[in-house]
Amino acid sequence: MESLQQQTSAFAHADRLEIGDRIPAFALAGSDGSPVTPISNDLSGRPLLLVFECSLVPGAPSFADELAALRERSSELKDRDAVVLAITRHSSGENKTLERAQALPFPVLSDPDAKVYGACGLDPQSIGRATVTLALDGNLRVVGVIDGGGASRWPAIAEALVAAAGQDSNGPLAGHPPVL
């Protein structure tokens, strides 16, 4: 099994996020049109999976299959206090159809201009895989980049969630801050 540091092949260019980087702040429309942001009170401080839909890859599980597999893991995700945000370039209406068809317990967000994709260093058209998952700790730092989603890479996602849980975002500091 490849290590979390080796799972960076999903990025298209040098401006990619690396393990330990914070994701840029963003707000995207949910399927009901309301904005969703990872820094909201109900999401912040918790491990987060950003599941990006990319280009269709022959023979790979579809994005809907990847999300359905994450739905099947919802009790494990809840036990880990993890949140899932799926991101597509489709309209909110199309995402609502996907949410209903797959009975997803998490939102599918709309990024039609691929601004969040670009900010994360992802090129959805030339990435060469159907799904890319960014695992983030409670401080929104990248702890894992997984080529695939729930159907194709659950063990890697679970490993990244363990790493995210190991990053205590609200715990005491290891030492004293410098005195100014």
C-alpha atoms as a PDB file:
ATOM      1  CA  MET A   1       0.000   0.000   0.000  1.00  0.00           C
ATOM      2  CA  GLU A   2       1.366   3.401  -0.940  1.00  0.00           C
ATOM      3  CA  SER A   3       1.954   5.919   1.812  1.00  0.00           C
ATOM      4  CA  LEU A   4      -0.078   9.084   2.177  1.00  0.00           C
ATOM      5  CA  GLN A   5       2.897  11.175   0.990  1.00  0.00           C
ATOM      6  CA  GLN A   6       3.074   9.174  -2.249  1.00  0.00           C
ATOM      7  CA  GLN A   7      -0.571   9.800  -3.104  1.00  0.00           C
ATOM      8  CA  THR A   8      -0.028  13.128  -4.858  1.00  0.00           C
ATOM      9  CA  SER A   9      -0.225  11.971  -8.488  1.00  0.00           C
ATOM     10  CA  ALA A  10      -3.753  13.340  -8.812  1.00  0.00           C
ATOM     11  CA  PHE A  11      -2.581  16.885  -9.374  1.00  0.00           C
ATOM     12  CA  ALA A  12      -2.180  18.409 -12.787  1.00  0.00           C
ATOM     13  CA  HIS A  13       0.488  21.056 -12.189  1.00  0.00           C
ATOM     14  CA  ALA A  14       3.042  22.463  -9.775  1.00  0.00           C
ATOM     15  CA  ASP A  15       0.486  24.551  -7.877  1.00  0.00           C
ATOM     16  CA  ARG A  16      -0.932  21.469  -6.226  1.00  0.00           C
ATOM     17  CA  LEU A  17      -1.679  21.129  -2.570  1.00  0.00           C
ATOM     18  CA  GLU A  18       0.770  18.993  -0.624  1.00  0.00           C
ATOM     19  CA  ILE A  19       0.349  17.003   2.553  1.00  0.00           C
ATOM     20  CA  GLY A  20       0.171  19.555   5.375  1.00  0.00           C
ATOM     21  CA  ASP A  21      -1.126  22.432   3.210  1.00  0.00           C
ATOM     22  CA  ARG A  22      -4.409  24.088   4.126  1.00  0.00           C
ATOM     23  CA  ILE A  23      -7.115  24.158   1.513  1.00  0.00           C
ATOM     24  CA  PRO A  24      -8.139  27.608   0.339  1.00  0.00           C
ATOM     25  CA  ALA A  25     -11.376  28.992   1.762  1.00  0.00           C
ATOM     26  CA  PHE A  26     -14.375  28.434  -0.481  1.00  0.00           C
ATOM     27  CA  ALA A  27     -18.151  28.430  -0.552  1.00  0.00           C
ATOM     28  CA  LEU A  28     -20.062  26.422  -3.156  1.00  0.00           C
ATOM     29  CA  ALA A  29     -23.757  26.040  -3.839  1.00  0.00           C
ATOM     30  CA  GLY A  30     -25.379  22.932  -2.442  1.00  0.00           C
ATOM     31  CA  SER A  31     -28.098  21.102  -4.339  1.00  0.00           C
ATOM     32  CA  ASP A  32     -30.700  23.441  -2.799  1.00  0.00           C
ATOM     33  CA  GLY A  33     -28.705  26.495  -3.937  1.00  0.00           C
ATOM     34  CA  SER A  34     -27.560  27.549  -0.464  1.00  0.00           C
ATOM     35  CA  PRO A  35     -23.831  28.113   0.088  1.00  0.00           C
ATOM     36  CA  VAL A  36     -21.793  25.447   1.864  1.00  0.00           C
ATOM     37  CA  THR A  37     -18.344  26.171   3.260  1.00  0.00           C
ATOM     38  CA  PRO A  38     -15.998  23.930   5.251  1.00  0.00           C
ATOM     39  CA  ILE A  39     -15.414  26.731   7.760  1.00  0.00           C
ATOM     40  CA  SER A  40     -19.040  26.800   8.903  1.00  0.00           C
ATOM     41  CA  ASN A  41     -19.731  26.069  12.556  1.00  0.00           C
ATOM     42  CA  ASP A  42     -21.250  22.654  11.870  1.00  0.00           C
ATOM     43  CA  LEU A  43     -18.291  21.465   9.747  1.00  0.00           C
ATOM     44  CA  SER A  44     -15.201  23.115  11.219  1.00  0.00           C
ATOM     45  CA  GLY A  45     -12.889  21.155  13.482  1.00  0.00           C
ATOM     46  CA  ARG A  46     -13.955  17.796  12.032  1.00  0.00           C
ATOM     47  CA  PRO A  47     -12.133  15.513   9.576  1.00  0.00           C
ATOM     48  CA  LEU A  48     -13.356  16.281   6.076  1.00  0.00           C
ATOM     49  CA  LEU A  49     -13.385  14.355   2.813  1.00  0.00           C
ATOM     50  CA  LEU A  50     -13.619  16.459  -0.342  1.00  0.00           C
ATOM     51  CA  VAL A  51     -14.620  14.059  -3.110  1.00  0.00           C
ATOM     52  CA  PHE A  52     -14.067  15.592  -6.553  1.00  0.00           C
ATOM     53  CA  GLU A  53     -15.691  14.271  -9.720  1.00  0.00           C
ATOM     54  CA  CYS A  54     -13.183  14.174 -12.559  1.00  0.00           C
ATOM     55  CA  SER A  55     -13.175  12.824 -16.097  1.00  0.00           C
ATOM     56  CA  LEU A  56     -14.815   9.484 -16.849  1.00  0.00           C
ATOM     57  CA  VAL A  57     -12.278   6.671 -16.933  1.00  0.00           C
ATOM     58  CA  PRO A  58     -13.185   3.462 -18.780  1.00  0.00           C
ATOM     59  CA  GLY A  59     -13.362   0.524 -16.396  1.00  0.00           C
ATOM     60  CA  ALA A  60     -13.227   2.688 -13.259  1.00  0.00           C
ATOM     61  CA  PRO A  61     -16.199   3.004 -10.912  1.00  0.00           C
ATOM     62  CA  SER A  62     -18.415   5.938 -11.836  1.00  0.00           C
ATOM     63  CA  PHE A  63     -18.617   8.961  -9.583  1.00  0.00           C
ATOM     64  CA  ALA A  64     -22.117   7.859  -8.529  1.00  0.00           C
ATOM     65  CA  ASP A  65     -20.735   4.420  -7.580  1.00  0.00           C
ATOM     66  CA  GLU A  66     -17.921   6.030  -5.583  1.00  0.00           C
ATOM     67  CA  LEU A  67     -20.440   8.182  -3.688  1.00  0.00           C
ATOM     68  CA  ALA A  68     -22.770   5.233  -3.125  1.00  0.00           C
ATOM     69  CA  ALA A  69     -19.876   3.309  -1.587  1.00  0.00           C
ATOM     70  CA  LEU A  70     -19.211   6.226   0.769  1.00  0.00           C
ATOM     71  CA  ARG A  71     -22.900   6.222   1.644  1.00  0.00           C
ATOM     72  CA  GLU A  72     -22.501   2.553   2.632  1.00  0.00           C
ATOM     73  CA  ARG A  73     -19.659   3.635   4.953  1.00  0.00           C
ATOM     74  CA  SER A  74     -21.703   6.417   6.561  1.00  0.00           C
ATOM     75  CA  SER A  75     -21.778   4.706   9.982  1.00  0.00           C
ATOM     76  CA  GLU A  76     -17.967   4.410   9.941  1.00  0.00           C
ATOM     77  CA  LEU A  77     -17.686   8.033   8.854  1.00  0.00           C
ATOM     78  CA  LYS A  78     -20.050   9.077  11.641  1.00  0.00           C
ATOM     79  CA  ASP A  79     -18.009   7.076  14.191  1.00  0.00           C
ATOM     80  CA  ARG A  80     -14.940   9.049  13.060  1.00  0.00           C
ATOM     81  CA  ASP A  81     -16.936  12.319  13.160  1.00  0.00           C
ATOM     82  CA  ALA A  82     -15.959  12.805   9.506  1.00  0.00           C
ATOM     83  CA  VAL A  83     -17.849  14.960   7.028  1.00  0.00           C
ATOM     84  CA  VAL A  84     -18.106  14.303   3.285  1.00  0.00           C
ATOM     85  CA  LEU A  85     -18.533  17.040   0.684  1.00  0.00           C
ATOM     86  CA  ALA A  86     -18.783  15.846  -2.915  1.00  0.00           C
ATOM     87  CA  ILE A  87     -17.902  18.400  -5.602  1.00  0.00           C
ATOM     88  CA  THR A  88     -18.891  18.402  -9.274  1.00  0.00           C
ATOM     89  CA  ARG A  89     -18.906  20.854 -12.158  1.00  0.00           C
ATOM     90  CA  HIS A  90     -22.637  20.209 -12.670  1.00  0.00           C
ATOM     91  CA  SER A  91     -25.518  22.513 -11.800  1.00  0.00           C
ATOM     92  CA  SER A  92     -27.209  22.390  -8.419  1.00  0.00           C
ATOM     93  CA  GLY A  93     -30.250  20.797 -10.056  1.00  0.00           C
ATOM     94  CA  GLU A  94     -28.176  17.965 -11.545  1.00  0.00           C
ATOM     95  CA  ASN A  95     -26.494  17.463  -8.174  1.00  0.00           C
ATOM     96  CA  LYS A  96     -29.894  17.285  -6.462  1.00  0.00           C
ATOM     97  CA  THR A  97     -30.856  14.503  -8.884  1.00  0.00           C
ATOM     98  CA  LEU A  98     -27.624  12.648  -8.038  1.00  0.00           C
ATOM     99  CA  GLU A  99     -28.200  13.080  -4.276  1.00  0.00           C
ATOM    100  CA  ARG A 100     -31.730  11.693  -4.551  1.00  0.00           C
ATOM    101  CA  ALA A 101     -30.857   8.839  -6.906  1.00  0.00           C
ATOM    102  CA  GLN A 102     -28.051   7.662  -4.617  1.00  0.00           C
ATOM    103  CA  ALA A 103     -29.847   8.571  -1.334  1.00  0.00           C
ATOM    104  CA  LEU A 104     -26.720  10.401  -0.196  1.00  0.00           C
ATOM    105  CA  PRO A 105     -26.490  11.546   3.424  1.00  0.00           C
ATOM    106  CA  PHE A 106     -23.994  14.270   2.449  1.00  0.00           C
ATOM    107  CA  PRO A 107     -24.210  17.222   0.059  1.00  0.00           C
ATOM    108  CA  VAL A 108     -23.046  17.390  -3.536  1.00  0.00           C
ATOM    109  CA  LEU A 109     -21.727  20.879  -4.256  1.00  0.00           C
ATOM    110  CA  SER A 110     -21.637  22.709  -7.577  1.00  0.00           C
ATOM    111  CA  ASP A 111     -18.376  24.200  -8.922  1.00  0.00           C
ATOM    112  CA  PRO A 112     -19.315  24.909 -12.566  1.00  0.00           C
ATOM    113  CA  ASP A 113     -16.306  27.161 -13.208  1.00  0.00           C
ATOM    114  CA  ALA A 114     -13.909  24.676 -11.543  1.00  0.00           C
ATOM    115  CA  LYS A 115     -12.553  27.393  -9.255  1.00  0.00           C
ATOM    116  CA  VAL A 116     -12.196  25.071  -6.265  1.00  0.00           C
ATOM    117  CA  TYR A 117     -10.745  22.373  -8.512  1.00  0.00           C
ATOM    118  CA  GLY A 118      -8.149  24.881  -9.714  1.00  0.00           C
ATOM    119  CA  ALA A 119      -7.428  26.203  -6.214  1.00  0.00           C
ATOM    120  CA  CYS A 120      -6.728  22.623  -5.123  1.00  0.00           C
ATOM    121  CA  GLY A 121      -4.522  22.024  -8.176  1.00  0.00           C
ATOM    122  CA  LEU A 122      -6.919  19.612  -9.866  1.00  0.00           C
ATOM    123  CA  ASP A 123      -7.672  19.614 -13.569  1.00  0.00           C
ATOM    124  CA  PRO A 124     -10.999  17.758 -13.857  1.00  0.00           C
ATOM    125  CA  GLN A 125     -10.680  17.178 -17.596  1.00  0.00           C
ATOM    126  CA  SER A 126      -7.188  15.702 -17.872  1.00  0.00           C
ATOM    127  CA  ILE A 127      -6.709  14.078 -14.519  1.00  0.00           C
ATOM    128  CA  GLY A 128      -7.057  10.521 -15.835  1.00  0.00           C
ATOM    129  CA  ARG A 129      -9.263   9.172 -13.057  1.00  0.00           C
ATOM    130  CA  ALA A 130     -12.964   9.423 -12.254  1.00  0.00           C
ATOM    131  CA  THR A 131     -12.674  10.569  -8.651  1.00  0.00           C
ATOM    132  CA  VAL A 132     -10.086  12.246  -6.439  1.00  0.00           C
ATOM    133  CA  THR A 133     -10.559  12.508  -2.667  1.00  0.00           C
ATOM    134  CA  LEU A 134      -8.764  15.004  -0.443  1.00  0.00           C
ATOM    135  CA  ALA A 135      -8.740  14.000   3.216  1.00  0.00           C
ATOM    136  CA  LEU A 136      -8.430  16.962   5.580  1.00  0.00           C
ATOM    137  CA  ASP A 137      -7.900  17.188   9.306  1.00  0.00           C
ATOM    138  CA  GLY A 138      -9.944  19.439  11.603  1.00  0.00           C
ATOM    139  CA  ASN A 139      -7.745  22.421  10.689  1.00  0.00           C
ATOM    140  CA  LEU A 140      -8.436  21.878   6.973  1.00  0.00           C
ATOM    141  CA  ARG A 141      -4.906  20.615   6.318  1.00  0.00           C
ATOM    142  CA  VAL A 142      -4.422  17.942   3.680  1.00  0.00           C
ATOM    143  CA  VAL A 143      -3.552  14.599   5.273  1.00  0.00           C
ATOM    144  CA  GLY A 144      -4.200  12.447   2.221  1.00  0.00           C
ATOM    145  CA  VAL A 145      -4.764  12.601  -1.519  1.00  0.00           C
ATOM    146  CA  ILE A 146      -6.536   9.516  -2.788  1.00  0.00           C
ATOM    147  CA  ASP A 147      -7.019   8.639  -6.435  1.00  0.00           C
ATOM    148  CA  GLY A 148     -10.521   7.244  -6.202  1.00  0.00           C
ATOM    149  CA  GLY A 149     -13.398   7.314  -3.787  1.00  0.00           C
ATOM    150  CA  GLY A 150     -15.366   4.947  -1.604  1.00  0.00           C
ATOM    151  CA  ALA A 151     -15.775   2.142  -4.130  1.00  0.00           C
ATOM    152  CA  SER A 152     -12.192   2.001  -5.345  1.00  0.00           C
ATOM    153  CA  ARG A 153     -10.061   3.227  -2.442  1.00  0.00           C
ATOM    154  CA  TRP A 154     -11.813   2.871   0.905  1.00  0.00           C
ATOM    155  CA  PRO A 155      -8.713   1.447   2.696  1.00  0.00           C
ATOM    156  CA  ALA A 156      -6.680   4.524   1.696  1.00  0.00           C
ATOM    157  CA  ILE A 157      -9.507   6.830   2.778  1.00  0.00           C
ATOM    158  CA  ALA A 158      -9.770   5.045   6.132  1.00  0.00           C
ATOM    159  CA  GLU A 159      -5.989   5.397   6.600  1.00  0.00           C
ATOM    160  CA  ALA A 160      -6.210   9.114   5.850  1.00  0.00           C
ATOM    161  CA  LEU A 161      -9.035   9.512   8.368  1.00  0.00           C
ATOM    162  CA  VAL A 162      -6.849   7.863  10.997  1.00  0.00           C
ATOM    163  CA  ALA A 163      -4.137  10.399  10.157  1.00  0.00           C
ATOM    164  CA  ALA A 164      -6.709  13.214  10.368  1.00  0.00           C
ATOM    165  CA  ALA A 165      -7.832  12.016  13.792  1.00  0.00           C
ATOM    166  CA  GLY A 166      -4.195  11.974  14.914  1.00  0.00           C
ATOM    167  CA  GLN A 167      -4.001  15.703  14.206  1.00  0.00           C
ATOM    168  CA  ASP A 168      -5.658  17.074  17.326  1.00  0.00           C
ATOM    169  CA  SER A 169      -6.882  20.449  16.123  1.00  0.00           C
ATOM    170  CA  ASN A 170      -8.210  21.540  19.496  1.00  0.00           C
ATOM    171  CA  GLY A 171      -5.707  19.994  21.865  1.00  0.00           C
ATOM    172  CA  PRO A 172      -3.091  21.696  23.989  1.00  0.00           C
ATOM    173  CA  LEU A 173       0.126  22.957  22.449  1.00  0.00           C
ATOM    174  CA  ALA A 174       3.156  20.692  22.832  1.00  0.00           C
ATOM    175  CA  GLY A 175       5.226  23.557  24.197  1.00  0.00           C
ATOM    176  CA  HIS A 176       4.974  27.162  25.193  1.00  0.00           C
ATOM    177  CA  PRO A 177       4.702  29.777  22.476  1.00  0.00           C
ATOM    178  CA  PRO A 178       7.639  32.166  22.251  1.00  0.00           C
ATOM    179  CA  VAL A 179       7.495  35.204  24.506  1.00  0.00           C
ATOM    180  CA  LEU A 180       7.549  38.437  22.577  1.00  0.00           C
END
